[in-house]
Amino acid sequence: MNIEDFIFSQDIDVNQVKEGTFSWSSPSNIALVKYWGKKENQIPANPSLSFTLNNCKTETTLSYSAKADKGISFDLLFEGQSKEEFKPKIQKFFERILKYCPYIEYYHFTIDTKNTFPHSSGIASSASGMAAMAVNIMSLERKLNVDMTEDYFDQKASFLARLGSGSACRSITGSVVVWGEQRDIPGSTDLYGVNFPFEVHPIFKGYCDTILLVDKGEKKVSSTVGHDLMHNHPYAAQRFEQAHENLARLKKILIEGNLTEFVALVESEALTLHAMMMTSMPYFILMKSNTLQIIEKIWAFREKTSINVCFTLDAGANVHVLYPEGDKDFVQTFIRQELAQFCQNEQYIDDKVGFGSEIIK
C-alpha cells in the first residue's frame, strides 16, 4: 500500500450516516526490538517488533453526529469526566489524519476513554489510546464506504494510529507485530504495522509479561525529545543497522523457540535503548536505582534456577518481566517475594501476549 491509497476520496454524504456510536478496546504493546529515532511524518528510523499485550488496554467510545459547519469539533471525557488537558493531543491527531479522513470535519465527536490499568501508573497509554481512536475512526469510515475490506481497515487503522503515536500502529492486530521495512519480513513497511508472517513457536503463545511499576511519575525526558536526539547521535547509524540485524535474528528465534537466544537478544535490546539515551547530547538516564536492582535480581534468579526469565524496558524506569507460561507459578512467586519490594507501593501488573484491538459489543 502507498500513502495515496489511504486518502478517502469518495463524496461525503452526511445524510447517509448522520449519527452513531462505536466502542473499541486497544491493547498496549511491548517492543522486543526497539524503535528509537524517527524521520518526518512519524516514520521510524529502524524497524521494531513487539508482543501485543492482553490486559493493559484503553477502552474508547466514539459518538458522532453530523453538523452543518465544517471543522474539527470534539468533546473529550476520561472515565466519564471532562479532561481538557488531554485535548491538544487529540486535536493534533485529528489535524494529522484530516488529509486521509476528510469526513471528520463533517461531524462533532464525543470521545469517552478509560484505561484498564491505573492512570499515571507509568505505563504509556499513548499506544493503546491512539490505536483505540484509530479503529473507532475507521469504523465511521466503514459506514461511509461499505465495500471496505478487513485488510484495508486494519492497514489504514494502523497507519492512522502511527500518526498519533508511532508505537500505536503495533496495537491494531496480531500477537507479534513488525513495524518498519525490514529485508527479512515480507510485507513489512514504514507506514503501518504488520502481523509477523511466520508461524510462531508454541512456547511464545501466551507468553507472560509482568510489568513492575518502579516509577509512576512523569518522565523527565519525553519519548518525543528522546527520538529527536537520535538525529545527531554519534552511534545512530550503527544502532539502526543493529536493529535490522537483531530483528532478523529474532525472526529465527520466534520460529524455532530458542529461549536462551531470546533472553540474550531481548535484554541486549533493552540495554541498548537506554545506552542510546545515555550517549546522546544532551544525555539522560530514565532508569532508577530500583530498576537496576530488579535487573540484578532477575540475573541471579535465572543463574540459580535455569528458568528462562528475562527483562525488557521501555523508555522509562519500569521493568517488563518476560517468561514462558509454563513457568508462571514459579516466576510470579519470585516476583511477589523478591521484586515487588522495588516497585512503587509494591504495585505490578500481570499480563500476557494478546490479540489486538477488539470491538466492544
Protein backbone atom coordinates (compact mmCIF):
# COMPACT_ATOMS: atom_id res chain seq x y z
CA MET A 1 0.00 0.00 0.00
CA ASN A 2 1.10 3.57 -0.74
CA ILE A 3 0.22 6.69 1.24
CA GLU A 4 -2.16 7.80 -1.52
CA ASP A 5 -4.17 4.58 -1.06
CA PHE A 6 -5.22 5.79 2.40
CA ILE A 7 -6.80 9.06 1.21
CA PHE A 8 -10.61 8.90 1.42
CA SER A 9 -11.71 10.26 -1.94
CA GLN A 10 -15.43 9.43 -2.09
CA ASP A 11 -18.19 12.02 -1.96
CA ILE A 12 -19.17 12.68 1.64
CA ASP A 13 -22.92 12.46 2.25
CA VAL A 14 -23.67 13.08 5.94
CA ASN A 15 -27.32 12.21 5.28
CA GLN A 16 -26.11 8.67 4.64
CA VAL A 17 -24.56 8.42 8.12
CA LYS A 18 -25.95 11.06 10.49
CA GLU A 19 -25.07 9.79 13.95
CA GLY A 20 -23.97 6.76 15.88
CA THR A 21 -21.60 5.28 18.43
CA PHE A 22 -18.71 2.81 18.37
CA SER A 23 -16.73 1.29 21.23
CA TRP A 24 -13.34 -0.41 20.93
CA SER A 25 -10.63 -1.66 23.22
CA SER A 26 -7.00 -1.49 22.09
CA PRO A 27 -4.05 -3.01 23.95
CA SER A 28 -0.66 -1.67 24.85
CA ASN A 29 2.36 -3.47 23.39
CA ILE A 30 5.94 -4.08 24.42
CA ALA A 31 8.72 -3.84 21.83
CA LEU A 32 11.37 -6.57 21.89
CA VAL A 33 13.42 -4.95 19.12
CA LYS A 34 13.16 -1.25 19.94
CA TYR A 35 12.47 1.69 17.67
CA TRP A 36 14.34 4.81 18.77
CA GLY A 37 14.63 7.71 16.38
CA LYS A 38 12.19 8.78 13.71
CA LYS A 39 12.04 10.70 10.46
CA GLU A 40 9.39 13.17 9.32
CA ASN A 41 5.72 12.19 9.49
CA GLN A 42 6.21 9.55 12.19
CA ILE A 43 8.39 7.30 10.01
CA PRO A 44 10.66 5.02 12.10
CA ALA A 45 14.43 5.26 11.70
CA ASN A 46 14.63 1.49 12.24
CA PRO A 47 12.20 -1.45 12.27
CA SER A 48 10.77 -2.85 15.51
CA LEU A 49 8.94 -5.97 16.69
CA SER A 50 6.54 -6.17 19.61
CA PHE A 51 4.38 -8.50 21.64
CA THR A 52 0.78 -7.29 21.86
CA LEU A 53 -0.45 -7.32 25.46
CA ASN A 54 -3.75 -8.74 26.66
CA ASN A 55 -4.79 -6.93 29.85
CA CYS A 56 -3.36 -3.39 29.64
CA LYS A 57 -5.91 -1.74 27.36
CA THR A 58 -7.59 1.54 26.53
CA GLU A 59 -11.37 1.37 26.06
CA THR A 60 -12.76 4.20 23.95
CA THR A 61 -16.31 5.05 22.94
CA LEU A 62 -16.70 7.42 20.00
CA SER A 63 -20.08 9.07 19.42
CA TYR A 64 -20.56 11.14 16.27
CA SER A 65 -23.27 13.43 14.93
CA ALA A 66 -23.40 15.31 11.63
CA LYS A 67 -23.16 19.11 11.78
CA ALA A 68 -23.73 21.96 9.37
CA ASP A 69 -20.41 23.79 9.68
CA LYS A 70 -17.10 22.20 8.68
CA GLY A 71 -14.18 21.92 11.08
CA ILE A 72 -12.64 19.69 13.73
CA SER A 73 -15.01 19.53 16.69
CA PHE A 74 -14.96 17.20 19.68
CA ASP A 75 -15.50 16.80 23.41
CA LEU A 76 -13.18 14.58 25.42
CA LEU A 77 -14.04 12.63 28.55
CA PHE A 78 -11.69 10.48 30.61
CA GLU A 79 -13.51 7.98 32.78
CA GLY A 80 -16.69 9.99 32.22
CA GLN A 81 -15.22 13.34 33.29
CA SER A 82 -14.17 16.23 31.08
CA LYS A 83 -10.40 16.19 30.53
CA GLU A 84 -9.31 19.44 28.87
CA GLU A 85 -5.57 18.75 29.30
CA PHE A 86 -5.84 15.68 27.03
CA LYS A 87 -7.49 17.63 24.19
CA PRO A 88 -4.38 19.10 22.50
CA LYS A 89 -3.04 15.63 21.69
CA ILE A 90 -6.37 14.58 20.14
CA GLN A 91 -6.57 17.90 18.26
CA LYS A 92 -3.13 17.24 16.78
CA PHE A 93 -4.17 13.69 15.88
CA PHE A 94 -7.25 14.93 14.03
CA GLU A 95 -5.17 17.55 12.20
CA ARG A 96 -2.65 14.92 11.11
CA ILE A 97 -5.28 12.48 9.79
CA LEU A 98 -7.51 15.10 8.14
CA LYS A 99 -5.84 14.62 4.74
CA TYR A 100 -6.71 10.91 4.87
CA CYS A 101 -10.08 11.21 6.62
CA PRO A 102 -11.66 14.47 5.37
CA TYR A 103 -15.07 13.32 6.60
CA ILE A 104 -14.11 14.03 10.22
CA GLU A 105 -14.77 17.75 9.58
CA TYR A 106 -18.42 16.98 8.97
CA TYR A 107 -19.07 15.51 12.43
CA HIS A 108 -18.92 16.50 16.07
CA PHE A 109 -17.37 13.76 18.20
CA THR A 110 -17.75 12.87 21.84
CA ILE A 111 -14.83 10.72 22.96
CA ASP A 112 -15.10 8.83 26.26
CA THR A 113 -11.99 6.88 27.13
CA LYS A 114 -10.57 4.91 30.04
CA ASN A 115 -7.69 2.55 30.76
CA THR A 116 -7.86 -0.88 32.33
CA PHE A 117 -4.55 -0.13 34.07
CA PRO A 118 -4.17 2.57 36.74
CA HIS A 119 -3.93 6.13 35.42
CA SER A 120 -0.48 7.65 36.00
CA SER A 121 0.91 4.18 36.64
CA GLY A 122 3.92 4.85 34.47
CA ILE A 123 2.57 2.65 31.67
CA ALA A 124 2.48 4.61 28.43
CA SER A 125 -1.14 4.86 27.29
CA SER A 126 -0.39 6.70 24.03
CA ALA A 127 -0.05 3.45 22.06
CA SER A 128 -3.30 1.90 23.27
CA GLY A 129 -5.11 5.26 23.31
CA MET A 130 -4.25 6.26 19.75
CA ALA A 131 -4.91 2.75 18.46
CA ALA A 132 -8.38 2.88 20.03
CA MET A 133 -9.01 6.27 18.39
CA ALA A 134 -7.88 4.93 15.01
CA VAL A 135 -10.14 1.86 14.97
CA ASN A 136 -13.12 4.00 16.03
CA ILE A 137 -12.46 6.48 13.22
CA MET A 138 -12.13 3.59 10.76
CA SER A 139 -15.47 2.22 11.96
CA LEU A 140 -17.04 5.50 10.85
CA GLU A 141 -15.20 5.32 7.54
CA ARG A 142 -16.52 1.81 7.02
CA LYS A 143 -20.05 3.20 7.41
CA LEU A 144 -19.23 5.67 4.61
CA ASN A 145 -17.53 3.01 2.48
CA VAL A 146 -19.44 -0.23 2.87
CA ASP A 147 -17.17 -2.03 0.38
CA MET A 148 -14.11 -1.73 2.63
CA THR A 149 -12.16 -4.96 3.19
CA GLU A 150 -10.94 -6.14 6.59
CA ASP A 151 -7.33 -5.92 5.43
CA TYR A 152 -7.78 -2.30 4.37
CA PHE A 153 -9.50 -1.49 7.68
CA ASP A 154 -6.57 -2.91 9.66
CA GLN A 155 -3.87 -1.35 7.50
CA LYS A 156 -5.38 2.12 7.49
CA ALA A 157 -6.20 1.92 11.21
CA SER A 158 -2.54 1.12 11.88
CA PHE A 159 -1.47 3.90 9.50
CA LEU A 160 -3.68 6.44 11.32
CA ALA A 161 -2.62 5.23 14.78
CA ARG A 162 1.02 5.77 13.78
CA LEU A 163 0.25 9.44 13.09
CA GLY A 164 -0.95 9.78 16.67
CA SER A 165 1.82 7.77 18.33
CA GLY A 166 4.39 5.71 16.48
CA SER A 167 4.14 2.57 18.59
CA ALA A 168 0.32 2.70 18.41
CA CYS A 169 0.50 1.17 14.94
CA ARG A 170 1.58 -2.09 16.62
CA SER A 171 -1.64 -2.26 18.71
CA ILE A 172 -4.23 -2.91 15.98
CA THR A 173 -3.93 -6.62 15.20
CA GLY A 174 -1.98 -9.72 15.99
CA SER A 175 0.12 -11.10 18.80
CA VAL A 176 3.52 -10.36 17.23
CA VAL A 177 3.75 -7.21 15.11
CA VAL A 178 6.52 -5.74 12.96
CA TRP A 179 6.66 -2.05 12.13
CA GLY A 180 9.24 -0.71 9.71
CA GLU A 181 10.57 -2.05 6.45
CA GLN A 182 12.90 -4.99 7.07
CA ARG A 183 14.53 -7.19 4.46
CA ASP A 184 13.64 -10.50 6.16
CA ILE A 185 9.96 -9.71 6.86
CA PRO A 186 7.77 -9.93 3.73
CA GLY A 187 5.22 -7.12 3.54
CA SER A 188 6.90 -5.02 6.23
CA THR A 189 6.57 -1.28 5.76
CA ASP A 190 7.30 2.02 7.47
CA LEU A 191 3.65 3.08 7.02
CA TYR A 192 1.89 0.61 9.33
CA GLY A 193 2.40 -2.45 11.48
CA VAL A 194 2.05 -5.95 10.00
CA ASN A 195 1.48 -9.29 11.68
CA PHE A 196 4.61 -11.42 11.94
CA PRO A 197 4.18 -13.50 8.75
CA PHE A 198 5.57 -16.79 10.07
CA GLU A 199 4.32 -19.48 12.43
CA VAL A 200 5.49 -18.61 15.94
CA HIS A 201 6.80 -21.45 18.10
CA PRO A 202 4.21 -22.64 20.67
CA ILE A 203 6.45 -21.55 23.59
CA PHE A 204 5.76 -17.90 22.70
CA LYS A 205 1.97 -18.25 22.57
CA GLY A 206 0.54 -16.94 25.83
CA TYR A 207 4.00 -15.69 26.86
CA CYS A 208 3.79 -13.82 30.16
CA ASP A 209 4.75 -10.21 30.91
CA THR A 210 4.63 -8.87 34.45
CA ILE A 211 5.06 -5.10 34.48
CA LEU A 212 6.87 -3.83 37.57
CA LEU A 213 5.80 -0.26 38.35
CA VAL A 214 9.08 1.17 39.58
CA ASP A 215 8.25 4.82 38.94
CA LYS A 216 4.73 6.08 38.30
CA GLY A 217 5.73 9.71 37.78
CA GLU A 218 6.03 11.59 34.51
CA LYS A 219 9.30 11.01 32.70
CA LYS A 220 11.86 13.83 32.94
CA VAL A 221 12.57 13.49 29.21
CA SER A 222 9.68 12.66 26.88
CA SER A 223 9.96 9.99 24.22
CA THR A 224 9.44 12.65 21.55
CA VAL A 225 12.50 14.56 22.76
CA GLY A 226 14.48 11.33 23.04
CA HIS A 227 13.63 10.33 19.45
CA ASP A 228 14.76 13.75 18.20
CA LEU A 229 18.13 13.38 19.91
CA MET A 230 18.92 10.49 17.56
CA HIS A 231 19.29 12.89 14.61
CA ASN A 232 22.84 13.87 15.54
CA HIS A 233 23.68 10.87 17.71
CA PRO A 234 27.25 9.60 17.18
CA TYR A 235 26.11 5.95 17.25
CA ALA A 236 22.77 6.30 15.41
CA ALA A 237 23.81 4.66 12.14
CA GLN A 238 25.28 1.63 13.93
CA ARG A 239 22.18 1.34 16.12
CA PHE A 240 19.80 1.40 13.15
CA GLU A 241 21.77 -1.35 11.41
CA GLN A 242 21.90 -3.35 14.66
CA ALA A 243 18.09 -3.21 14.89
CA HIS A 244 17.80 -4.69 11.38
CA GLU A 245 20.23 -7.48 12.32
CA ASN A 246 18.52 -8.19 15.64
CA LEU A 247 15.10 -8.38 14.01
CA ALA A 248 16.45 -10.93 11.53
CA ARG A 249 17.87 -12.93 14.46
CA LEU A 250 14.62 -12.63 16.42
CA LYS A 251 12.63 -13.89 13.43
CA LYS A 252 14.59 -17.16 13.58
CA ILE A 253 14.27 -17.34 17.39
CA LEU A 254 10.49 -16.88 17.32
CA ILE A 255 10.12 -19.63 14.72
CA GLU A 256 12.48 -22.12 16.40
CA GLY A 257 11.68 -21.34 20.06
CA ASN A 258 15.27 -20.90 21.27
CA LEU A 259 14.71 -19.30 24.67
CA THR A 260 18.39 -18.90 25.52
CA GLU A 261 18.92 -16.74 22.44
CA PHE A 262 15.60 -14.95 23.06
CA VAL A 263 16.70 -13.90 26.56
CA ALA A 264 20.08 -12.63 25.35
CA LEU A 265 18.68 -10.64 22.45
CA VAL A 266 15.75 -9.09 24.33
CA GLU A 267 17.86 -7.94 27.27
CA SER A 268 20.57 -6.60 24.95
CA GLU A 269 17.96 -4.59 23.03
CA ALA A 270 16.58 -3.10 26.26
CA LEU A 271 20.02 -2.04 27.49
CA THR A 272 20.97 -0.69 24.05
CA LEU A 273 17.88 1.53 24.09
CA HIS A 274 18.99 3.10 27.36
CA ALA A 275 22.61 3.25 26.20
CA MET A 276 21.47 5.46 23.31
CA MET A 277 19.84 7.79 25.84
CA MET A 278 22.96 7.91 27.97
CA THR A 279 25.19 8.70 24.99
CA SER A 280 23.04 11.38 23.32
CA MET A 281 23.75 15.08 23.70
CA PRO A 282 22.26 16.15 26.00
CA TYR A 283 22.45 12.77 27.75
CA PHE A 284 19.87 11.48 30.20
CA ILE A 285 19.04 8.45 32.34
CA LEU A 286 15.48 7.15 32.73
CA MET A 287 16.33 4.04 34.76
CA LYS A 288 16.15 4.31 38.55
CA SER A 289 18.26 2.57 41.19
CA ASN A 290 15.38 0.12 41.75
CA THR A 291 15.39 -0.70 38.02
CA LEU A 292 19.00 -1.83 38.31
CA GLN A 293 18.35 -3.82 41.47
CA ILE A 294 15.48 -5.66 39.75
CA ILE A 295 17.75 -6.50 36.80
CA GLU A 296 20.41 -7.87 39.15
CA LYS A 297 17.78 -9.97 40.96
CA ILE A 298 16.49 -11.39 37.65
CA TRP A 299 20.00 -12.34 36.59
CA ALA A 300 20.69 -14.05 39.89
CA PHE A 301 17.35 -15.91 39.80
CA ARG A 302 17.99 -17.10 36.24
CA GLU A 303 21.51 -18.27 37.14
CA LYS A 304 20.20 -20.17 40.17
CA THR A 305 17.11 -21.79 38.61
CA SER A 306 17.95 -22.00 34.86
CA ILE A 307 14.44 -20.64 34.19
CA ASN A 308 14.38 -18.51 31.06
CA VAL A 309 13.00 -15.36 32.65
CA CYS A 310 14.28 -12.05 31.30
CA PHE A 311 13.54 -8.35 31.33
CA THR A 312 12.89 -5.63 28.82
CA LEU A 313 12.46 -1.89 29.30
CA ASP A 314 10.55 0.87 27.61
CA ALA A 315 11.73 4.47 27.65
CA GLY A 316 11.30 4.69 31.40
CA ALA A 317 12.13 3.07 34.72
CA ASN A 318 9.52 0.29 34.74
CA VAL A 319 10.59 -3.29 34.09
CA HIS A 320 8.74 -5.84 31.96
CA VAL A 321 9.50 -9.35 33.23
CA LEU A 322 9.05 -11.87 30.39
CA TYR A 323 8.72 -15.63 30.92
CA PRO A 324 7.04 -18.74 29.45
CA GLU A 325 3.53 -19.54 30.62
CA GLY A 326 4.72 -22.93 31.88
CA ASP A 327 6.95 -21.20 34.44
CA LYS A 328 4.26 -18.76 35.57
CA ASP A 329 3.69 -20.02 39.13
CA PHE A 330 7.39 -20.19 39.99
CA VAL A 331 8.25 -16.81 38.44
CA GLN A 332 5.26 -15.00 39.94
CA THR A 333 6.22 -16.31 43.40
CA PHE A 334 9.71 -14.88 42.80
CA ILE A 335 8.17 -11.55 41.76
CA ARG A 336 5.97 -11.37 44.86
CA GLN A 337 8.75 -12.36 47.26
CA GLU A 338 11.77 -10.58 45.77
CA LEU A 339 10.84 -7.97 43.16
CA ALA A 340 7.64 -6.31 44.42
CA GLN A 341 9.61 -4.50 47.14
CA PHE A 342 11.35 -2.45 44.44
CA CYS A 343 8.04 -1.27 42.93
CA GLN A 344 6.28 1.92 43.94
CA ASN A 345 3.74 0.85 46.59
CA GLU A 346 4.70 -2.73 45.62
CA GLN A 347 2.48 -2.40 42.52
CA TYR A 348 2.85 -4.57 39.44
CA ILE A 349 0.55 -5.86 36.70
CA ASP A 350 0.43 -9.44 35.42
CA ASP A 351 -0.16 -9.55 31.69
CA LYS A 352 0.49 -11.85 28.72
CA VAL A 353 0.56 -11.84 24.94
CA GLY A 354 -2.83 -10.88 23.47
CA PHE A 355 -4.50 -10.45 20.10
CA GLY A 356 -5.03 -6.76 19.23
CA SER A 357 -7.95 -4.33 19.10
CA GLU A 358 -11.47 -5.64 19.67
CA ILE A 359 -14.87 -4.08 19.19
CA ILE A 360 -16.87 -3.83 22.42
CA LYS A 361 -20.35 -5.19 21.84
